[in-house]
Amino acid sequence: MQPPLSQSHLMENMDDASTSSGESGMTPTHTSLLEPPYADPDPPPYPAPAAVAPHKGATFIIRDPESSLVITLKDGKVGLAPANKESAWTYNSDDGLGSHWRCVESKDRWLGFYNAVSGGFLGHDNNKKEWRFIAKAETHRQWEYFCVRQHPDGGHELLVKHWDGFRAMQVGGDMGRDLVVAGEGHSGTAWEFLKVCSEI
């Protein structure tokens, strides 16, 4: 039986082993991480104006994100048109384009949108062959009632009441510039509601 090795003898053997293998120093017993194991995640993004659902008392530009066209009343007809870049985000009723829609709410909690230029409410014409949207009504009634539902891909669908269910508003018609009522069970356009910054 060999006598136990002293601590100094062990240290000499380790030094000899490390120099003979060409490495210097001791192998660490553990590894240290350069970064903490659980870094703080980035804070969640705050909702962009497009992610904000419409609410009563605010004015919005309603935009189709695929085409970047906005719901506009021009020459008495509702359709999609490019936004007026000079006055898009401020209230200007003299630009001749009705792209600003004031959101209202009925006592039964139905939303409605009236045009800042004409004062007419956005609604559908009940022509079942080719349902179109118009903005002629001076009062907020059933044909002008909307329900808003968040779309899973972002934005919000605008739904109109149809008997005991809903139908969605979607882009359609000539060159994708008209607003039509979607067929039963069909999804609508995922609209972006861009809040107008200042109003006079």
C-alpha atoms as a PDB file:
ATOM      1  CA  MET A   1       0.000   0.000   0.000  1.00  0.00           C
ATOM      2  CA  GLN A   2       1.303   3.403  -0.976  1.00  0.00           C
ATOM      3  CA  PRO A   3       1.337   6.282   1.459  1.00  0.00           C
ATOM      4  CA  PRO A   4      -1.258   9.008   0.766  1.00  0.00           C
ATOM      5  CA  LEU A   5      -0.034  11.802  -1.490  1.00  0.00           C
ATOM      6  CA  SER A   6       0.414  15.238  -0.034  1.00  0.00           C
ATOM      7  CA  GLN A   7      -1.342  18.254  -1.473  1.00  0.00           C
ATOM      8  CA  SER A   8       1.947  19.707  -2.710  1.00  0.00           C
ATOM      9  CA  HIS A   9       2.775  16.430  -4.453  1.00  0.00           C
ATOM     10  CA  LEU A  10      -0.632  16.463  -6.187  1.00  0.00           C
ATOM     11  CA  MET A  11      -0.066  20.026  -7.366  1.00  0.00           C
ATOM     12  CA  GLU A  12       3.351  19.098  -8.822  1.00  0.00           C
ATOM     13  CA  ASN A  13       1.806  16.153 -10.700  1.00  0.00           C
ATOM     14  CA  MET A  14      -0.934  18.393 -12.141  1.00  0.00           C
ATOM     15  CA  ASP A  15       1.632  20.977 -13.222  1.00  0.00           C
ATOM     16  CA  ASP A  16       3.694  18.244 -14.872  1.00  0.00           C
ATOM     17  CA  ALA A  17       0.620  16.864 -16.648  1.00  0.00           C
ATOM     18  CA  SER A  18      -0.468  20.246 -17.938  1.00  0.00           C
ATOM     19  CA  THR A  19       2.968  21.160 -19.250  1.00  0.00           C
ATOM     20  CA  SER A  20       3.509  17.779 -20.830  1.00  0.00           C
ATOM     21  CA  SER A  21       0.259  18.034 -22.814  1.00  0.00           C
ATOM     22  CA  GLY A  22       1.181  21.509 -24.017  1.00  0.00           C
ATOM     23  CA  GLU A  23      -1.638  23.244 -22.136  1.00  0.00           C
ATOM     24  CA  SER A  24      -1.241  25.543 -19.210  1.00  0.00           C
ATOM     25  CA  GLY A  25      -3.592  25.980 -16.313  1.00  0.00           C
ATOM     26  CA  MET A  26      -6.246  23.751 -14.876  1.00  0.00           C
ATOM     27  CA  THR A  27      -9.427  22.566 -16.519  1.00  0.00           C
ATOM     28  CA  PRO A  28     -12.327  24.379 -14.877  1.00  0.00           C
ATOM     29  CA  THR A  29     -14.835  22.302 -12.980  1.00  0.00           C
ATOM     30  CA  HIS A  30     -17.733  24.255 -14.542  1.00  0.00           C
ATOM     31  CA  THR A  31     -18.382  26.621 -17.388  1.00  0.00           C
ATOM     32  CA  SER A  32     -19.620  30.156 -16.886  1.00  0.00           C
ATOM     33  CA  LEU A  33     -22.190  31.682 -19.226  1.00  0.00           C
ATOM     34  CA  LEU A  34     -21.443  34.957 -20.871  1.00  0.00           C
ATOM     35  CA  GLU A  35     -25.153  35.831 -20.923  1.00  0.00           C
ATOM     36  CA  PRO A  36     -27.667  35.271 -18.173  1.00  0.00           C
ATOM     37  CA  PRO A  37     -29.572  32.015 -18.761  1.00  0.00           C
ATOM     38  CA  TYR A  38     -32.939  33.779 -18.931  1.00  0.00           C
ATOM     39  CA  ALA A  39     -32.552  37.125 -20.624  1.00  0.00           C
ATOM     40  CA  ASP A  40     -35.461  39.525 -20.308  1.00  0.00           C
ATOM     41  CA  PRO A  41     -37.606  39.316 -23.437  1.00  0.00           C
ATOM     42  CA  ASP A  42     -38.256  42.403 -25.482  1.00  0.00           C
ATOM     43  CA  PRO A  43     -41.318  44.275 -24.266  1.00  0.00           C
ATOM     44  CA  PRO A  44     -44.442  43.572 -26.313  1.00  0.00           C
ATOM     45  CA  PRO A  45     -45.103  46.142 -29.026  1.00  0.00           C
ATOM     46  CA  TYR A  46     -47.762  48.719 -28.290  1.00  0.00           C
ATOM     47  CA  PRO A  47     -50.679  48.637 -30.664  1.00  0.00           C
ATOM     48  CA  ALA A  48     -50.209  50.675 -33.805  1.00  0.00           C
ATOM     49  CA  PRO A  49     -53.067  52.948 -34.876  1.00  0.00           C
ATOM     50  CA  ALA A  50     -54.120  50.231 -37.336  1.00  0.00           C
ATOM     51  CA  ALA A  51     -54.613  47.774 -34.471  1.00  0.00           C
ATOM     52  CA  VAL A  52     -57.008  50.057 -32.634  1.00  0.00           C
ATOM     53  CA  ALA A  53     -60.668  49.160 -32.899  1.00  0.00           C
ATOM     54  CA  PRO A  54     -63.003  51.998 -33.838  1.00  0.00           C
ATOM     55  CA  HIS A  55     -64.843  53.613 -30.950  1.00  0.00           C
ATOM     56  CA  LYS A  56     -67.516  56.265 -30.591  1.00  0.00           C
ATOM     57  CA  GLY A  57     -66.444  59.867 -30.620  1.00  0.00           C
ATOM     58  CA  ALA A  58     -63.319  59.404 -32.758  1.00  0.00           C
ATOM     59  CA  THR A  59     -62.761  60.047 -36.457  1.00  0.00           C
ATOM     60  CA  PHE A  60     -60.999  57.454 -38.598  1.00  0.00           C
ATOM     61  CA  ILE A  61     -59.596  56.854 -42.034  1.00  0.00           C
ATOM     62  CA  ILE A  62     -60.613  53.298 -42.962  1.00  0.00           C
ATOM     63  CA  ARG A  63     -57.910  51.703 -45.102  1.00  0.00           C
ATOM     64  CA  ASP A  64     -57.519  48.435 -46.995  1.00  0.00           C
ATOM     65  CA  PRO A  65     -53.948  47.345 -46.126  1.00  0.00           C
ATOM     66  CA  GLU A  66     -53.574  45.247 -49.295  1.00  0.00           C
ATOM     67  CA  SER A  67     -54.181  48.115 -51.710  1.00  0.00           C
ATOM     68  CA  SER A  68     -53.502  51.068 -49.343  1.00  0.00           C
ATOM     69  CA  LEU A  69     -56.746  52.608 -50.634  1.00  0.00           C
ATOM     70  CA  VAL A  70     -59.167  54.246 -48.193  1.00  0.00           C
ATOM     71  CA  ILE A  71     -62.962  54.277 -47.997  1.00  0.00           C
ATOM     72  CA  THR A  72     -63.930  57.582 -49.557  1.00  0.00           C
ATOM     73  CA  LEU A  73     -67.056  59.459 -50.499  1.00  0.00           C
ATOM     74  CA  LYS A  74     -66.507  61.297 -53.773  1.00  0.00           C
ATOM     75  CA  ASP A  75     -69.207  62.880 -55.910  1.00  0.00           C
ATOM     76  CA  GLY A  76     -71.837  61.194 -53.743  1.00  0.00           C
ATOM     77  CA  LYS A  77     -70.477  57.653 -54.264  1.00  0.00           C
ATOM     78  CA  VAL A  78     -68.705  55.444 -51.724  1.00  0.00           C
ATOM     79  CA  GLY A  79     -65.640  53.596 -52.953  1.00  0.00           C
ATOM     80  CA  LEU A  80     -61.924  53.172 -52.484  1.00  0.00           C
ATOM     81  CA  ALA A  81     -59.432  55.869 -53.453  1.00  0.00           C
ATOM     82  CA  PRO A  82     -55.859  56.872 -52.619  1.00  0.00           C
ATOM     83  CA  ALA A  83     -55.537  58.906 -49.430  1.00  0.00           C
ATOM     84  CA  ASN A  84     -54.940  62.622 -49.742  1.00  0.00           C
ATOM     85  CA  LYS A  85     -51.393  62.737 -48.339  1.00  0.00           C
ATOM     86  CA  GLU A  86     -51.405  66.467 -47.563  1.00  0.00           C
ATOM     87  CA  SER A  87     -54.421  66.370 -45.250  1.00  0.00           C
ATOM     88  CA  ALA A  88     -54.758  62.665 -44.489  1.00  0.00           C
ATOM     89  CA  TRP A  89     -54.109  62.842 -40.749  1.00  0.00           C
ATOM     90  CA  THR A  90     -55.747  66.160 -39.907  1.00  0.00           C
ATOM     91  CA  TYR A  91     -59.376  67.115 -40.161  1.00  0.00           C
ATOM     92  CA  ASN A  92     -60.027  69.084 -43.345  1.00  0.00           C
ATOM     93  CA  SER A  93     -63.568  69.136 -44.654  1.00  0.00           C
ATOM     94  CA  ASP A  94     -62.601  71.389 -47.577  1.00  0.00           C
ATOM     95  CA  ASP A  95     -60.536  68.797 -49.446  1.00  0.00           C
ATOM     96  CA  GLY A  96     -63.637  67.541 -51.315  1.00  0.00           C
ATOM     97  CA  LEU A  97     -62.838  63.926 -50.422  1.00  0.00           C
ATOM     98  CA  GLY A  98     -64.859  62.288 -47.710  1.00  0.00           C
ATOM     99  CA  SER A  99     -62.231  59.929 -46.325  1.00  0.00           C
ATOM    100  CA  HIS A 100     -62.840  60.837 -42.677  1.00  0.00           C
ATOM    101  CA  TRP A 101     -65.483  58.793 -40.877  1.00  0.00           C
ATOM    102  CA  ARG A 102     -66.786  59.803 -37.461  1.00  0.00           C
ATOM    103  CA  CYS A 103     -67.688  56.783 -35.321  1.00  0.00           C
ATOM    104  CA  VAL A 104     -70.969  56.912 -33.382  1.00  0.00           C
ATOM    105  CA  GLU A 105     -72.803  54.396 -31.245  1.00  0.00           C
ATOM    106  CA  SER A 106     -76.551  53.791 -30.968  1.00  0.00           C
ATOM    107  CA  LYS A 107     -78.297  53.269 -27.641  1.00  0.00           C
ATOM    108  CA  ASP A 108     -78.307  49.536 -28.520  1.00  0.00           C
ATOM    109  CA  ARG A 109     -74.490  49.642 -28.918  1.00  0.00           C
ATOM    110  CA  TRP A 110     -74.392  49.371 -32.729  1.00  0.00           C
ATOM    111  CA  LEU A 111     -71.555  51.352 -34.292  1.00  0.00           C
ATOM    112  CA  GLY A 112     -72.071  53.695 -37.202  1.00  0.00           C
ATOM    113  CA  PHE A 113     -69.840  55.893 -39.368  1.00  0.00           C
ATOM    114  CA  TYR A 114     -70.888  59.226 -40.773  1.00  0.00           C
ATOM    115  CA  ASN A 115     -68.928  61.103 -43.352  1.00  0.00           C
ATOM    116  CA  ALA A 116     -67.188  64.264 -42.179  1.00  0.00           C
ATOM    117  CA  VAL A 117     -67.912  66.054 -45.488  1.00  0.00           C
ATOM    118  CA  SER A 118     -71.490  65.030 -46.324  1.00  0.00           C
ATOM    119  CA  GLY A 119     -72.824  64.035 -42.907  1.00  0.00           C
ATOM    120  CA  GLY A 120     -74.322  60.884 -44.480  1.00  0.00           C
ATOM    121  CA  PHE A 121     -74.073  57.565 -42.654  1.00  0.00           C
ATOM    122  CA  LEU A 122     -72.257  54.625 -44.232  1.00  0.00           C
ATOM    123  CA  GLY A 123     -74.686  51.766 -44.857  1.00  0.00           C
ATOM    124  CA  HIS A 124     -75.784  49.200 -47.414  1.00  0.00           C
ATOM    125  CA  ASP A 125     -78.480  49.666 -50.033  1.00  0.00           C
ATOM    126  CA  ASN A 126     -80.276  46.301 -49.530  1.00  0.00           C
ATOM    127  CA  ASN A 127     -80.072  45.504 -53.248  1.00  0.00           C
ATOM    128  CA  LYS A 128     -79.610  41.764 -52.750  1.00  0.00           C
ATOM    129  CA  LYS A 129     -78.434  41.222 -56.313  1.00  0.00           C
ATOM    130  CA  GLU A 130     -75.438  43.532 -55.904  1.00  0.00           C
ATOM    131  CA  TRP A 131     -75.265  44.830 -52.385  1.00  0.00           C
ATOM    132  CA  ARG A 132     -73.307  48.044 -52.369  1.00  0.00           C
ATOM    133  CA  PHE A 133     -72.466  50.529 -49.698  1.00  0.00           C
ATOM    134  CA  ILE A 134     -73.740  54.085 -49.764  1.00  0.00           C
ATOM    135  CA  ALA A 135     -73.518  57.114 -47.464  1.00  0.00           C
ATOM    136  CA  LYS A 136     -76.837  58.900 -47.921  1.00  0.00           C
ATOM    137  CA  ALA A 137     -78.822  58.266 -44.735  1.00  0.00           C
ATOM    138  CA  GLU A 138     -79.113  61.227 -42.387  1.00  0.00           C
ATOM    139  CA  THR A 139     -79.905  59.018 -39.396  1.00  0.00           C
ATOM    140  CA  HIS A 140     -78.221  55.972 -37.879  1.00  0.00           C
ATOM    141  CA  ARG A 141     -80.685  53.084 -38.374  1.00  0.00           C
ATOM    142  CA  GLN A 142     -80.565  49.337 -39.146  1.00  0.00           C
ATOM    143  CA  TRP A 143     -79.102  49.670 -42.640  1.00  0.00           C
ATOM    144  CA  GLU A 144     -76.277  51.723 -41.125  1.00  0.00           C
ATOM    145  CA  TYR A 145     -75.540  49.427 -38.141  1.00  0.00           C
ATOM    146  CA  PHE A 146     -72.074  47.886 -37.926  1.00  0.00           C
ATOM    147  CA  CYS A 147     -70.420  45.363 -35.669  1.00  0.00           C
ATOM    148  CA  VAL A 148     -66.626  45.268 -35.596  1.00  0.00           C
ATOM    149  CA  ARG A 149     -64.675  42.031 -35.163  1.00  0.00           C
ATOM    150  CA  GLN A 150     -60.918  41.694 -34.847  1.00  0.00           C
ATOM    151  CA  HIS A 151     -59.386  39.776 -37.749  1.00  0.00           C
ATOM    152  CA  PRO A 152     -56.822  37.056 -36.870  1.00  0.00           C
ATOM    153  CA  ASP A 153     -54.329  38.496 -39.397  1.00  0.00           C
ATOM    154  CA  GLY A 154     -54.628  42.025 -38.005  1.00  0.00           C
ATOM    155  CA  GLY A 155     -57.105  44.812 -38.597  1.00  0.00           C
ATOM    156  CA  HIS A 156     -60.856  44.523 -38.150  1.00  0.00           C
ATOM    157  CA  GLU A 157     -63.783  43.248 -40.167  1.00  0.00           C
ATOM    158  CA  LEU A 158     -66.828  45.464 -40.578  1.00  0.00           C
ATOM    159  CA  LEU A 159     -69.985  43.369 -40.287  1.00  0.00           C
ATOM    160  CA  VAL A 160     -73.504  44.458 -41.193  1.00  0.00           C
ATOM    161  CA  LYS A 161     -76.661  42.955 -39.762  1.00  0.00           C
ATOM    162  CA  HIS A 162     -78.460  40.519 -42.048  1.00  0.00           C
ATOM    163  CA  TRP A 163     -81.601  38.933 -40.586  1.00  0.00           C
ATOM    164  CA  ASP A 164     -80.361  37.150 -37.468  1.00  0.00           C
ATOM    165  CA  GLY A 165     -76.688  37.057 -38.534  1.00  0.00           C
ATOM    166  CA  PHE A 166     -73.924  39.155 -40.039  1.00  0.00           C
ATOM    167  CA  ARG A 167     -72.397  39.741 -43.442  1.00  0.00           C
ATOM    168  CA  ALA A 168     -68.954  41.250 -43.935  1.00  0.00           C
ATOM    169  CA  MET A 169     -67.959  44.318 -45.929  1.00  0.00           C
ATOM    170  CA  GLN A 170     -65.333  43.512 -48.541  1.00  0.00           C
ATOM    171  CA  VAL A 171     -63.502  45.050 -51.456  1.00  0.00           C
ATOM    172  CA  GLY A 172     -65.014  44.091 -54.806  1.00  0.00           C
ATOM    173  CA  GLY A 173     -66.596  45.430 -57.966  1.00  0.00           C
ATOM    174  CA  ASP A 174     -64.833  47.185 -60.812  1.00  0.00           C
ATOM    175  CA  MET A 175     -61.033  47.129 -60.411  1.00  0.00           C
ATOM    176  CA  GLY A 176     -61.387  46.428 -56.679  1.00  0.00           C
ATOM    177  CA  ARG A 177     -62.613  49.965 -55.982  1.00  0.00           C
ATOM    178  CA  ASP A 178     -66.151  49.171 -54.750  1.00  0.00           C
ATOM    179  CA  LEU A 179     -67.437  48.098 -51.349  1.00  0.00           C
ATOM    180  CA  VAL A 180     -69.750  45.106 -51.418  1.00  0.00           C
ATOM    181  CA  VAL A 181     -71.492  42.828 -48.947  1.00  0.00           C
ATOM    182  CA  ALA A 182     -69.763  39.428 -48.801  1.00  0.00           C
ATOM    183  CA  GLY A 183     -71.710  36.235 -49.351  1.00  0.00           C
ATOM    184  CA  GLU A 184     -72.939  34.125 -46.466  1.00  0.00           C
ATOM    185  CA  GLY A 185     -70.033  32.625 -44.534  1.00  0.00           C
ATOM    186  CA  HIS A 186     -67.396  34.606 -46.444  1.00  0.00           C
ATOM    187  CA  SER A 187     -64.753  36.678 -44.690  1.00  0.00           C
ATOM    188  CA  GLY A 188     -64.519  40.371 -45.260  1.00  0.00           C
ATOM    189  CA  THR A 189     -61.626  42.757 -45.713  1.00  0.00           C
ATOM    190  CA  ALA A 190     -59.418  43.235 -42.652  1.00  0.00           C
ATOM    191  CA  TRP A 191     -59.667  47.025 -42.447  1.00  0.00           C
ATOM    192  CA  GLU A 192     -57.186  49.283 -40.692  1.00  0.00           C
ATOM    193  CA  PHE A 193     -58.712  52.090 -38.613  1.00  0.00           C
ATOM    194  CA  LEU A 194     -56.321  55.026 -38.608  1.00  0.00           C
ATOM    195  CA  LYS A 195     -57.356  57.633 -36.090  1.00  0.00           C
ATOM    196  CA  VAL A 196     -57.332  61.200 -37.344  1.00  0.00           C
ATOM    197  CA  CYS A 197     -54.930  63.134 -35.121  1.00  0.00           C
ATOM    198  CA  SER A 198     -56.650  66.484 -34.809  1.00  0.00           C
ATOM    199  CA  GLU A 199     -60.125  67.738 -35.421  1.00  0.00           C
ATOM    200  CA  ILE A 200     -61.473  71.274 -35.714  1.00  0.00           C
END
